[in-house]
PDB file of N, CA and C in Angstrom:
ATOM      1  N   UNK A   1     -30.480   2.060  -6.687  1.00  0.00           N
ATOM      2  CA  UNK A   1     -29.213   1.948  -5.992  1.00  0.00           C
ATOM      3  C   UNK A   1     -28.627   0.558  -6.244  1.00  0.00           C
ATOM      4  N   UNK A   2     -27.336   0.512  -6.506  1.00  0.00           N
ATOM      5  CA  UNK A   2     -26.660  -0.755  -6.762  1.00  0.00           C
ATOM      6  C   UNK A   2     -25.827  -1.122  -5.535  1.00  0.00           C
ATOM      7  N   UNK A   3     -26.214  -2.181  -4.863  1.00  0.00           N
ATOM      8  CA  UNK A   3     -25.486  -2.650  -3.689  1.00  0.00           C
ATOM      9  C   UNK A   3     -24.616  -3.816  -4.104  1.00  0.00           C
ATOM     10  N   UNK A   4     -23.313  -3.610  -4.049  1.00  0.00           N
ATOM     11  CA  UNK A   4     -22.391  -4.650  -4.497  1.00  0.00           C
ATOM     12  C   UNK A   4     -21.263  -4.831  -3.482  1.00  0.00           C
ATOM     13  N   UNK A   5     -21.111  -6.049  -3.029  1.00  0.00           N
ATOM     14  CA  UNK A   5     -20.037  -6.394  -2.106  1.00  0.00           C
ATOM     15  C   UNK A   5     -18.760  -6.606  -2.915  1.00  0.00           C
ATOM     16  N   UNK A   6     -17.646  -6.107  -2.411  1.00  0.00           N
ATOM     17  CA  UNK A   6     -16.356  -6.311  -3.065  1.00  0.00           C
ATOM     18  C   UNK A   6     -15.652  -7.452  -2.344  1.00  0.00           C
ATOM     19  N   UNK A   7     -15.434  -8.543  -3.051  1.00  0.00           N
ATOM     20  CA  UNK A   7     -14.761  -9.701  -2.470  1.00  0.00           C
ATOM     21  C   UNK A   7     -13.255  -9.517  -2.641  1.00  0.00           C
ATOM     22  N   UNK A   8     -12.559  -9.260  -1.539  1.00  0.00           N
ATOM     23  CA  UNK A   8     -11.129  -8.981  -1.597  1.00  0.00           C
ATOM     24  C   UNK A   8     -10.320 -10.173  -2.083  1.00  0.00           C
ATOM     25  N   UNK A   9     -10.716 -11.390  -1.691  1.00  0.00           N
ATOM     26  CA  UNK A   9      -9.992 -12.580  -2.150  1.00  0.00           C
ATOM     27  C   UNK A   9     -10.105 -12.752  -3.662  1.00  0.00           C
ATOM     28  N   UNK A  10     -11.289 -12.506  -4.218  1.00  0.00           N
ATOM     29  CA  UNK A  10     -11.459 -12.589  -5.673  1.00  0.00           C
ATOM     30  C   UNK A  10     -10.620 -11.527  -6.375  1.00  0.00           C
ATOM     31  N   UNK A  11     -10.628 -10.321  -5.827  1.00  0.00           N
ATOM     32  CA  UNK A  11      -9.848  -9.235  -6.419  1.00  0.00           C
ATOM     33  C   UNK A  11      -8.352  -9.552  -6.380  1.00  0.00           C
ATOM     34  N   UNK A  12      -7.891 -10.082  -5.251  1.00  0.00           N
ATOM     35  CA  UNK A  12      -6.477 -10.441  -5.120  1.00  0.00           C
ATOM     36  C   UNK A  12      -6.083 -11.560  -6.078  1.00  0.00           C
ATOM     37  N   UNK A  13      -6.979 -12.526  -6.276  1.00  0.00           N
ATOM     38  CA  UNK A  13      -6.644 -13.643  -7.160  1.00  0.00           C
ATOM     39  C   UNK A  13      -6.488 -13.185  -8.610  1.00  0.00           C
ATOM     40  N   UNK A  14      -7.063 -12.046  -8.966  1.00  0.00           N
ATOM     41  CA  UNK A  14      -6.943 -11.510 -10.329  1.00  0.00           C
ATOM     42  C   UNK A  14      -5.651 -10.711 -10.527  1.00  0.00           C
ATOM     43  N   UNK A  15      -4.923 -10.443  -9.450  1.00  0.00           N
ATOM     44  CA  UNK A  15      -3.672  -9.686  -9.553  1.00  0.00           C
ATOM     45  C   UNK A  15      -2.530 -10.658  -9.802  1.00  0.00           C
ATOM     46  N   UNK A  16      -1.843 -10.467 -10.915  1.00  0.00           N
ATOM     47  CA  UNK A  16      -0.748 -11.357 -11.293  1.00  0.00           C
ATOM     48  C   UNK A  16       0.624 -10.714 -11.140  1.00  0.00           C
ATOM     49  N   UNK A  17       0.672  -9.389 -11.078  1.00  0.00           N
ATOM     50  CA  UNK A  17       1.942  -8.682 -10.999  1.00  0.00           C
ATOM     51  C   UNK A  17       2.194  -8.200  -9.575  1.00  0.00           C
ATOM     52  N   UNK A  18       3.464  -8.242  -9.176  1.00  0.00           N
ATOM     53  CA  UNK A  18       3.855  -7.685  -7.883  1.00  0.00           C
ATOM     54  C   UNK A  18       4.030  -6.174  -8.015  1.00  0.00           C
ATOM     55  N   UNK A  19       3.830  -5.472  -6.922  1.00  0.00           N
ATOM     56  CA  UNK A  19       4.043  -4.018  -6.845  1.00  0.00           C
ATOM     57  C   UNK A  19       3.209  -3.249  -7.865  1.00  0.00           C
ATOM     58  N   UNK A  20       2.023  -3.755  -8.175  1.00  0.00           N
ATOM     59  CA  UNK A  20       1.144  -3.099  -9.139  1.00  0.00           C
ATOM     60  C   UNK A  20      -0.254  -2.962  -8.529  1.00  0.00           C
ATOM     61  N   UNK A  21      -0.502  -1.862  -7.796  1.00  0.00           N
ATOM     62  CA  UNK A  21      -1.781  -1.706  -7.085  1.00  0.00           C
ATOM     63  C   UNK A  21      -2.982  -1.665  -8.027  1.00  0.00           C
ATOM     64  N   UNK A  22      -4.073  -2.256  -7.564  1.00  0.00           N
ATOM     65  CA  UNK A  22      -5.329  -2.262  -8.318  1.00  0.00           C
ATOM     66  C   UNK A  22      -6.404  -1.579  -7.463  1.00  0.00           C
ATOM     67  N   UNK A  23      -7.029  -0.551  -8.005  1.00  0.00           N
ATOM     68  CA  UNK A  23      -8.099   0.156  -7.297  1.00  0.00           C
ATOM     69  C   UNK A  23      -9.327  -0.749  -7.237  1.00  0.00           C
ATOM     70  N   UNK A  24      -9.847  -0.952  -6.012  1.00  0.00           N
ATOM     71  CA  UNK A  24     -11.039  -1.783  -5.840  1.00  0.00           C
ATOM     72  C   UNK A  24     -12.228  -0.998  -5.299  1.00  0.00           C
ATOM     73  N   UNK A  25     -11.990   0.256  -4.892  1.00  0.00           N
ATOM     74  CA  UNK A  25     -13.079   1.083  -4.396  1.00  0.00           C
ATOM     75  C   UNK A  25     -12.635   2.515  -4.174  1.00  0.00           C
ATOM     76  N   UNK A  26     -13.603   3.429  -4.163  1.00  0.00           N
ATOM     77  CA  UNK A  26     -13.326   4.844  -3.912  1.00  0.00           C
ATOM     78  C   UNK A  26     -14.454   5.442  -3.086  1.00  0.00           C
ATOM     79  N   UNK A  27     -14.073   6.400  -2.241  1.00  0.00           N
ATOM     80  CA  UNK A  27     -15.048   7.184  -1.501  1.00  0.00           C
ATOM     81  C   UNK A  27     -14.428   8.542  -1.186  1.00  0.00           C
ATOM     82  N   UNK A  28     -15.126   9.602  -1.527  1.00  0.00           N
ATOM     83  CA  UNK A  28     -14.667  10.967  -1.240  1.00  0.00           C
ATOM     84  C   UNK A  28     -13.216  11.202  -1.643  1.00  0.00           C
ATOM     85  N   UNK A  29     -12.857  10.891  -2.872  1.00  0.00           N
ATOM     86  CA  UNK A  29     -11.498  11.092  -3.408  1.00  0.00           C
ATOM     87  C   UNK A  29     -10.428  10.255  -2.717  1.00  0.00           C
ATOM     88  N   UNK A  30     -10.835   9.235  -1.985  1.00  0.00           N
ATOM     89  CA  UNK A  30      -9.889   8.308  -1.364  1.00  0.00           C
ATOM     90  C   UNK A  30     -10.035   6.966  -2.066  1.00  0.00           C
ATOM     91  N   UNK A  31      -8.895   6.377  -2.436  1.00  0.00           N
ATOM     92  CA  UNK A  31      -8.912   5.102  -3.131  1.00  0.00           C
ATOM     93  C   UNK A  31      -8.478   3.967  -2.208  1.00  0.00           C
ATOM     94  N   UNK A  32      -9.106   2.828  -2.396  1.00  0.00           N
ATOM     95  CA  UNK A  32      -8.742   1.589  -1.729  1.00  0.00           C
ATOM     96  C   UNK A  32      -8.107   0.710  -2.799  1.00  0.00           C
ATOM     97  N   UNK A  33      -6.855   0.316  -2.570  1.00  0.00           N
ATOM     98  CA  UNK A  33      -6.116  -0.443  -3.566  1.00  0.00           C
ATOM     99  C   UNK A  33      -5.613  -1.737  -2.955  1.00  0.00           C
ATOM    100  N   UNK A  34      -5.600  -2.786  -3.766  1.00  0.00           N
ATOM    101  CA  UNK A  34      -5.006  -4.054  -3.356  1.00  0.00           C
ATOM    102  C   UNK A  34      -3.694  -4.219  -4.103  1.00  0.00           C
ATOM    103  N   UNK A  35      -2.709  -4.786  -3.416  1.00  0.00           N
ATOM    104  CA  UNK A  35      -1.398  -4.966  -4.013  1.00  0.00           C
ATOM    105  C   UNK A  35      -0.760  -6.230  -3.443  1.00  0.00           C
ATOM    106  N   UNK A  36      -0.065  -6.938  -4.300  1.00  0.00           N
ATOM    107  CA  UNK A  36       0.755  -8.069  -3.869  1.00  0.00           C
ATOM    108  C   UNK A  36       2.204  -7.598  -3.909  1.00  0.00           C
ATOM    109  N   UNK A  37       2.933  -7.868  -2.831  1.00  0.00           N
ATOM    110  CA  UNK A  37       4.324  -7.436  -2.784  1.00  0.00           C
ATOM    111  C   UNK A  37       5.228  -8.594  -2.399  1.00  0.00           C
ATOM    112  N   UNK A  38       6.447  -8.513  -2.871  1.00  0.00           N
ATOM    113  CA  UNK A  38       7.488  -9.475  -2.499  1.00  0.00           C
ATOM    114  C   UNK A  38       8.812  -8.819  -2.868  1.00  0.00           C
ATOM    115  N   UNK A  39       9.778  -8.897  -1.980  1.00  0.00           N
ATOM    116  CA  UNK A  39      11.065  -8.263  -2.231  1.00  0.00           C
ATOM    117  C   UNK A  39      11.045  -6.793  -1.848  1.00  0.00           C
ATOM    118  N   UNK A  40      11.963  -6.039  -2.453  1.00  0.00           N
ATOM    119  CA  UNK A  40      12.152  -4.629  -2.090  1.00  0.00           C
ATOM    120  C   UNK A  40      11.529  -3.685  -3.108  1.00  0.00           C
ATOM    121  N   UNK A  41      11.071  -2.542  -2.601  1.00  0.00           N
ATOM    122  CA  UNK A  41      10.671  -1.424  -3.438  1.00  0.00           C
ATOM    123  C   UNK A  41      11.748  -0.366  -3.282  1.00  0.00           C
ATOM    124  N   UNK A  42      11.670   0.717  -4.021  1.00  0.00           N
ATOM    125  CA  UNK A  42      12.693   1.771  -3.962  1.00  0.00           C
ATOM    126  C   UNK A  42      12.433   2.750  -2.816  1.00  0.00           C
ATOM    127  N   UNK A  43      13.460   3.461  -2.400  1.00  0.00           N
ATOM    128  CA  UNK A  43      13.291   4.552  -1.449  1.00  0.00           C
ATOM    129  C   UNK A  43      12.485   5.643  -2.138  1.00  0.00           C
ATOM    130  N   UNK A  44      11.472   6.162  -1.454  1.00  0.00           N
ATOM    131  CA  UNK A  44      10.654   7.236  -2.018  1.00  0.00           C
ATOM    132  C   UNK A  44       9.907   7.940  -0.891  1.00  0.00           C
ATOM    133  N   UNK A  45       9.224   9.010  -1.253  1.00  0.00           N
ATOM    134  CA  UNK A  45       8.379   9.714  -0.286  1.00  0.00           C
ATOM    135  C   UNK A  45       7.183  10.298  -1.007  1.00  0.00           C
ATOM    136  N   UNK A  46       6.157  10.598  -0.240  1.00  0.00           N
ATOM    137  CA  UNK A  46       4.932  11.202  -0.754  1.00  0.00           C
ATOM    138  C   UNK A  46       4.717  12.492   0.032  1.00  0.00           C
ATOM    139  N   UNK A  47       5.158  13.607  -0.532  1.00  0.00           N
ATOM    140  CA  UNK A  47       5.088  14.891   0.161  1.00  0.00           C
ATOM    141  C   UNK A  47       3.659  15.257   0.538  1.00  0.00           C
ATOM    142  N   UNK A  48       3.421  15.388   1.830  1.00  0.00           N
ATOM    143  CA  UNK A  48       2.135  15.847   2.328  1.00  0.00           C
ATOM    144  C   UNK A  48       0.988  14.862   2.192  1.00  0.00           C
ATOM    145  N   UNK A  49       1.256  13.624   1.800  1.00  0.00           N
ATOM    146  CA  UNK A  49       0.187  12.647   1.604  1.00  0.00           C
ATOM    147  C   UNK A  49       0.406  11.460   2.538  1.00  0.00           C
ATOM    148  N   UNK A  50      -0.463  11.333   3.535  1.00  0.00           N
ATOM    149  CA  UNK A  50      -0.415  10.167   4.413  1.00  0.00           C
ATOM    150  C   UNK A  50      -0.997   8.968   3.660  1.00  0.00           C
ATOM    151  N   UNK A  51      -0.468   7.773   3.955  1.00  0.00           N
ATOM    152  CA  UNK A  51      -0.962   6.540   3.345  1.00  0.00           C
ATOM    153  C   UNK A  51      -1.206   5.518   4.435  1.00  0.00           C
ATOM    154  N   UNK A  52      -2.217   4.694   4.242  1.00  0.00           N
ATOM    155  CA  UNK A  52      -2.527   3.629   5.180  1.00  0.00           C
ATOM    156  C   UNK A  52      -2.211   2.298   4.512  1.00  0.00           C
ATOM    157  N   UNK A  53      -1.465   1.452   5.222  1.00  0.00           N
ATOM    158  CA  UNK A  53      -1.164   0.100   4.776  1.00  0.00           C
ATOM    159  C   UNK A  53      -1.887  -0.865   5.713  1.00  0.00           C
ATOM    160  N   UNK A  54      -2.721  -1.738   5.165  1.00  0.00           N
ATOM    161  CA  UNK A  54      -3.435  -2.754   5.933  1.00  0.00           C
ATOM    162  C   UNK A  54      -3.001  -4.113   5.383  1.00  0.00           C
ATOM    163  N   UNK A  55      -2.366  -4.919   6.221  1.00  0.00           N
ATOM    164  CA  UNK A  55      -1.866  -6.219   5.762  1.00  0.00           C
ATOM    165  C   UNK A  55      -2.979  -7.255   5.886  1.00  0.00           C
ATOM    166  N   UNK A  56      -3.327  -7.862   4.752  1.00  0.00           N
ATOM    167  CA  UNK A  56      -4.365  -8.874   4.702  1.00  0.00           C
ATOM    168  C   UNK A  56      -3.790 -10.282   4.816  1.00  0.00           C
ATOM    169  N   UNK A  57      -2.550 -10.448   4.341  1.00  0.00           N
ATOM    170  CA  UNK A  57      -1.881 -11.756   4.385  1.00  0.00           C
ATOM    171  C   UNK A  57      -0.384 -11.521   4.387  1.00  0.00           C
ATOM    172  N   UNK A  58       0.328 -12.233   5.259  1.00  0.00           N
ATOM    173  CA  UNK A  58       1.785 -12.125   5.303  1.00  0.00           C
ATOM    174  C   UNK A  58       2.258 -11.000   6.208  1.00  0.00           C
ATOM    175  N   UNK A  59       3.455 -10.500   5.905  1.00  0.00           N
ATOM    176  CA  UNK A  59       4.065  -9.414   6.677  1.00  0.00           C
ATOM    177  C   UNK A  59       4.683  -8.404   5.727  1.00  0.00           C
ATOM    178  N   UNK A  60       4.512  -7.147   6.055  1.00  0.00           N
ATOM    179  CA  UNK A  60       5.086  -6.038   5.309  1.00  0.00           C
ATOM    180  C   UNK A  60       6.031  -5.291   6.238  1.00  0.00           C
ATOM    181  N   UNK A  61       7.191  -4.941   5.735  1.00  0.00           N
ATOM    182  CA  UNK A  61       8.133  -4.108   6.471  1.00  0.00           C
ATOM    183  C   UNK A  61       8.244  -2.781   5.745  1.00  0.00           C
ATOM    184  N   UNK A  62       8.387  -1.708   6.492  1.00  0.00           N
ATOM    185  CA  UNK A  62       8.663  -0.405   5.896  1.00  0.00           C
ATOM    186  C   UNK A  62       9.878   0.168   6.602  1.00  0.00           C
ATOM    187  N   UNK A  63      10.953   0.349   5.830  1.00  0.00           N
ATOM    188  CA  UNK A  63      12.166   0.955   6.367  1.00  0.00           C
ATOM    189  C   UNK A  63      12.048   2.467   6.254  1.00  0.00           C
ATOM    190  N   UNK A  64      12.492   3.142   7.295  1.00  0.00           N
ATOM    191  CA  UNK A  64      12.596   4.593   7.313  1.00  0.00           C
ATOM    192  C   UNK A  64      14.058   4.932   7.537  1.00  0.00           C
ATOM    193  N   UNK A  65      14.444   6.159   7.358  1.00  0.00           N
ATOM    194  CA  UNK A  65      15.841   6.557   7.535  1.00  0.00           C
ATOM    195  C   UNK A  65      16.309   6.332   8.980  1.00  0.00           C
ATOM    196  N   UNK A  66      15.366   6.339   9.920  1.00  0.00           N
ATOM    197  CA  UNK A  66      15.737   6.214  11.338  1.00  0.00           C
ATOM    198  C   UNK A  66      15.149   4.971  12.014  1.00  0.00           C
ATOM    199  N   UNK A  67      14.775   3.953  11.231  1.00  0.00           N
ATOM    200  CA  UNK A  67      14.234   2.728  11.816  1.00  0.00           C
ATOM    201  C   UNK A  67      13.311   2.029  10.841  1.00  0.00           C
ATOM    202  N   UNK A  68      12.552   1.058  11.342  1.00  0.00           N
ATOM    203  CA  UNK A  68      11.591   0.367  10.478  1.00  0.00           C
ATOM    204  C   UNK A  68      10.436  -0.164  11.309  1.00  0.00           C
ATOM    205  N   UNK A  69       9.335  -0.482  10.620  1.00  0.00           N
ATOM    206  CA  UNK A  69       8.181  -1.109  11.260  1.00  0.00           C
ATOM    207  C   UNK A  69       7.888  -2.418  10.553  1.00  0.00           C
ATOM    208  N   UNK A  70       7.307  -3.339  11.295  1.00  0.00           N
ATOM    209  CA  UNK A  70       6.815  -4.602  10.737  1.00  0.00           C
ATOM    210  C   UNK A  70       5.307  -4.600  10.944  1.00  0.00           C
ATOM    211  N   UNK A  71       4.572  -4.816   9.859  1.00  0.00           N
ATOM    212  CA  UNK A  71       3.119  -4.837   9.911  1.00  0.00           C
ATOM    213  C   UNK A  71       2.682  -6.254   9.547  1.00  0.00           C
ATOM    214  N   UNK A  72       2.033  -6.915  10.470  1.00  0.00           N
ATOM    215  CA  UNK A  72       1.616  -8.305  10.276  1.00  0.00           C
ATOM    216  C   UNK A  72       0.152  -8.377   9.854  1.00  0.00           C
ATOM    217  N   UNK A  73      -0.265  -9.574   9.446  1.00  0.00           N
ATOM    218  CA  UNK A  73      -1.649  -9.813   9.044  1.00  0.00           C
ATOM    219  C   UNK A  73      -2.598  -9.296  10.120  1.00  0.00           C
ATOM    220  N   UNK A  74      -3.589  -8.531   9.678  1.00  0.00           N
ATOM    221  CA  UNK A  74      -4.573  -7.993  10.607  1.00  0.00           C
ATOM    222  C   UNK A  74      -4.164  -6.677  11.245  1.00  0.00           C
ATOM    223  N   UNK A  75      -3.021  -6.123  10.838  1.00  0.00           N
ATOM    224  CA  UNK A  75      -2.544  -4.854  11.386  1.00  0.00           C
ATOM    225  C   UNK A  75      -2.524  -3.785  10.301  1.00  0.00           C
ATOM    226  N   UNK A  76      -2.545  -2.534  10.741  1.00  0.00           N
ATOM    227  CA  UNK A  76      -2.435  -1.407   9.821  1.00  0.00           C
ATOM    228  C   UNK A  76      -1.425  -0.415  10.353  1.00  0.00           C
ATOM    229  N   UNK A  77      -0.911   0.395   9.428  1.00  0.00           N
ATOM    230  CA  UNK A  77       0.067   1.415   9.792  1.00  0.00           C
ATOM    231  C   UNK A  77      -0.151   2.623   8.894  1.00  0.00           C
ATOM    232  N   UNK A  78      -0.072   3.818   9.490  1.00  0.00           N
ATOM    233  CA  UNK A  78      -0.213   5.060   8.732  1.00  0.00           C
ATOM    234  C   UNK A  78       1.173   5.652   8.525  1.00  0.00           C
ATOM    235  N   UNK A  79       1.573   5.783   7.264  1.00  0.00           N
ATOM    236  CA  UNK A  79       2.854   6.400   6.926  1.00  0.00           C
ATOM    237  C   UNK A  79       2.598   7.890   6.734  1.00  0.00           C
ATOM    238  N   UNK A  80       3.261   8.724   7.540  1.00  0.00           N
ATOM    239  CA  UNK A  80       3.051  10.163   7.392  1.00  0.00           C
ATOM    240  C   UNK A  80       3.658  10.693   6.092  1.00  0.00           C
ATOM    241  N   UNK A  81       2.972  11.628   5.465  1.00  0.00           N
ATOM    242  CA  UNK A  81       3.469  12.243   4.239  1.00  0.00           C
ATOM    243  C   UNK A  81       4.828  12.884   4.477  1.00  0.00           C
ATOM    244  N   UNK A  82       5.707  12.740   3.513  1.00  0.00           N
ATOM    245  CA  UNK A  82       7.030  13.321   3.605  1.00  0.00           C
ATOM    246  C   UNK A  82       8.082  12.422   4.225  1.00  0.00           C
ATOM    247  N   UNK A  83       7.678  11.291   4.779  1.00  0.00           N
ATOM    248  CA  UNK A  83       8.643  10.365   5.385  1.00  0.00           C
ATOM    249  C   UNK A  83       9.283   9.509   4.295  1.00  0.00           C
ATOM    250  N   UNK A  84      10.610   9.582   4.168  1.00  0.00           N
ATOM    251  CA  UNK A  84      11.304   8.716   3.214  1.00  0.00           C
ATOM    252  C   UNK A  84      11.103   7.278   3.664  1.00  0.00           C
ATOM    253  N   UNK A  85      10.713   6.417   2.731  1.00  0.00           N
ATOM    254  CA  UNK A  85      10.328   5.050   3.085  1.00  0.00           C
ATOM    255  C   UNK A  85      10.760   4.066   2.006  1.00  0.00           C
ATOM    256  N   UNK A  86      10.923   2.820   2.431  1.00  0.00           N
ATOM    257  CA  UNK A  86      11.246   1.735   1.507  1.00  0.00           C
ATOM    258  C   UNK A  86      10.483   0.495   1.967  1.00  0.00           C
ATOM    259  N   UNK A  87       9.318   0.233   1.378  1.00  0.00           N
ATOM    260  CA  UNK A  87       8.564  -0.968   1.738  1.00  0.00           C
ATOM    261  C   UNK A  87       9.248  -2.220   1.199  1.00  0.00           C
ATOM    262  N   UNK A  88       9.112  -3.322   1.941  1.00  0.00           N
ATOM    263  CA  UNK A  88       9.628  -4.601   1.461  1.00  0.00           C
ATOM    264  C   UNK A  88       8.942  -5.747   2.182  1.00  0.00           C
ATOM    265  N   UNK A  89       9.028  -6.925   1.561  1.00  0.00           N
ATOM    266  CA  UNK A  89       8.477  -8.143   2.157  1.00  0.00           C
ATOM    267  C   UNK A  89       9.450  -9.273   1.891  1.00  0.00           C
ATOM    268  N   UNK A  90       9.649 -10.120   2.908  1.00  0.00           N
ATOM    269  CA  UNK A  90      10.551 -11.262   2.767  1.00  0.00           C
ATOM    270  C   UNK A  90       9.890 -12.406   2.013  1.00  0.00           C
ATOM    271  N   UNK A  91       8.548 -12.473   2.075  1.00  0.00           N
ATOM    272  CA  UNK A  91       7.733 -13.430   1.317  1.00  0.00           C
ATOM    273  C   UNK A  91       6.531 -12.659   0.795  1.00  0.00           C
ATOM    274  N   UNK A  92       5.837 -13.221  -0.193  1.00  0.00           N
ATOM    275  CA  UNK A  92       4.693 -12.509  -0.767  1.00  0.00           C
ATOM    276  C   UNK A  92       3.691 -12.125   0.321  1.00  0.00           C
ATOM    277  N   UNK A  93       3.269 -10.871   0.271  1.00  0.00           N
ATOM    278  CA  UNK A  93       2.270 -10.341   1.195  1.00  0.00           C
ATOM    279  C   UNK A  93       1.166  -9.672   0.384  1.00  0.00           C
ATOM    280  N   UNK A  94      -0.040  -9.676   0.940  1.00  0.00           N
ATOM    281  CA  UNK A  94      -1.186  -9.034   0.311  1.00  0.00           C
ATOM    282  C   UNK A  94      -1.591  -7.857   1.180  1.00  0.00           C
ATOM    283  N   UNK A  95      -1.696  -6.701   0.564  1.00  0.00           N
ATOM    284  CA  UNK A  95      -1.866  -5.458   1.312  1.00  0.00           C
ATOM    285  C   UNK A  95      -2.964  -4.612   0.682  1.00  0.00           C
ATOM    286  N   UNK A  96      -3.715  -3.907   1.540  1.00  0.00           N
ATOM    287  CA  UNK A  96      -4.631  -2.881   1.063  1.00  0.00           C
ATOM    288  C   UNK A  96      -3.995  -1.527   1.364  1.00  0.00           C
ATOM    289  N   UNK A  97      -3.938  -0.682   0.345  1.00  0.00           N
ATOM    290  CA  UNK A  97      -3.463   0.691   0.499  1.00  0.00           C
ATOM    291  C   UNK A  97      -4.677   1.603   0.496  1.00  0.00           C
ATOM    292  N   UNK A  98      -4.668   2.598   1.356  1.00  0.00           N
ATOM    293  CA  UNK A  98      -5.722   3.602   1.369  1.00  0.00           C
ATOM    294  C   UNK A  98      -5.021   4.946   1.235  1.00  0.00           C
ATOM    295  N   UNK A  99      -5.345   5.661   0.136  1.00  0.00           N
ATOM    296  CA  UNK A  99      -4.664   6.925  -0.132  1.00  0.00           C
ATOM    297  C   UNK A  99      -5.540   7.816  -1.003  1.00  0.00           C
ATOM    298  N   UNK A 100      -5.279   9.135  -0.975  1.00  0.00           N
ATOM    299  CA  UNK A 100      -6.041  10.036  -1.844  1.00  0.00           C
ATOM    300  C   UNK A 100      -5.824   9.696  -3.319  1.00  0.00           C
ATOM    301  N   UNK A 101      -6.852   9.881  -4.125  1.00  0.00           N
ATOM    302  CA  UNK A 101      -6.750   9.633  -5.565  1.00  0.00           C
ATOM    303  C   UNK A 101      -5.604  10.452  -6.143  1.00  0.00           C
ATOM    304  N   UNK A 102      -4.785   9.810  -6.973  1.00  0.00           N
ATOM    305  CA  UNK A 102      -3.678  10.499  -7.628  1.00  0.00           C
ATOM    306  C   UNK A 102      -2.413  10.617  -6.801  1.00  0.00           C
ATOM    307  N   UNK A 103      -2.438  10.162  -5.555  1.00  0.00           N
ATOM    308  CA  UNK A 103      -1.273  10.316  -4.671  1.00  0.00           C
ATOM    309  C   UNK A 103      -0.061   9.552  -5.178  1.00  0.00           C
ATOM    310  N   UNK A 104      -0.273   8.377  -5.728  1.00  0.00           N
ATOM    311  CA  UNK A 104       0.850   7.546  -6.167  1.00  0.00           C
ATOM    312  C   UNK A 104       1.588   8.185  -7.334  1.00  0.00           C
ATOM    313  N   UNK A 105       0.888   8.930  -8.165  1.00  0.00           N
ATOM    314  CA  UNK A 105       1.533   9.519  -9.330  1.00  0.00           C
ATOM    315  C   UNK A 105       2.020  10.936  -9.061  1.00  0.00           C
ATOM    316  N   UNK A 106       1.183  11.766  -8.470  1.00  0.00           N
ATOM    317  CA  UNK A 106       1.508  13.180  -8.329  1.00  0.00           C
ATOM    318  C   UNK A 106       2.611  13.431  -7.309  1.00  0.00           C
ATOM    319  N   UNK A 107       2.673  12.644  -6.251  1.00  0.00           N
ATOM    320  CA  UNK A 107       3.613  12.936  -5.172  1.00  0.00           C
ATOM    321  C   UNK A 107       4.734  11.920  -5.048  1.00  0.00           C
ATOM    322  N   UNK A 108       4.899  11.061  -6.019  1.00  0.00           N
ATOM    323  CA  UNK A 108       5.929  10.020  -5.926  1.00  0.00           C
ATOM    324  C   UNK A 108       7.248  10.586  -6.421  1.00  0.00           C
ATOM    325  N   UNK A 109       8.219  10.626  -5.507  1.00  0.00           N
ATOM    326  CA  UNK A 109       9.550  11.092  -5.902  1.00  0.00           C
ATOM    327  C   UNK A 109      10.579  10.284  -5.150  1.00  0.00           C
ATOM    328  N   UNK A 110      11.610   9.864  -5.841  1.00  0.00           N
ATOM    329  CA  UNK A 110      12.640   9.052  -5.202  1.00  0.00           C
ATOM    330  C   UNK A 110      13.493   9.915  -4.289  1.00  0.00           C
ATOM    331  N   UNK A 111      13.814   9.391  -3.130  1.00  0.00           N
ATOM    332  CA  UNK A 111      14.668  10.093  -2.175  1.00  0.00           C
ATOM    333  C   UNK A 111      16.099   9.631  -2.361  1.00  0.00           C
ATOM    334  N   UNK A 112      17.010  10.490  -2.014  1.00  0.00           N
ATOM    335  CA  UNK A 112      18.422  10.126  -2.112  1.00  0.00           C
ATOM    336  C   UNK A 112      19.004   9.878  -0.752  1.00  0.00           C
TER     337      UNK A 112
END
């Protein structure tokens, strides 16, 4: 058995691009991804796929058609599948995403 600790700070320091998630672990078809964000992302939705956002550093905002949430360091938020959303950050934030494998590609569609 290989017991290996995943150092999140080391993994984050290797990420140079914004809005480009990096898979750091998997369990039962669920992926744990680290991402650095700054500025706005596009309006989109993930049909039937809930996603978890855990803020490790900074603040993340997610706009919805009927309001928005602010997620601060040490907080998490579950975005329900099918909710049109637009994530953004006013300053660089470090976030862990938890989602089913393939969710970002198979269910990503821009909302109008």
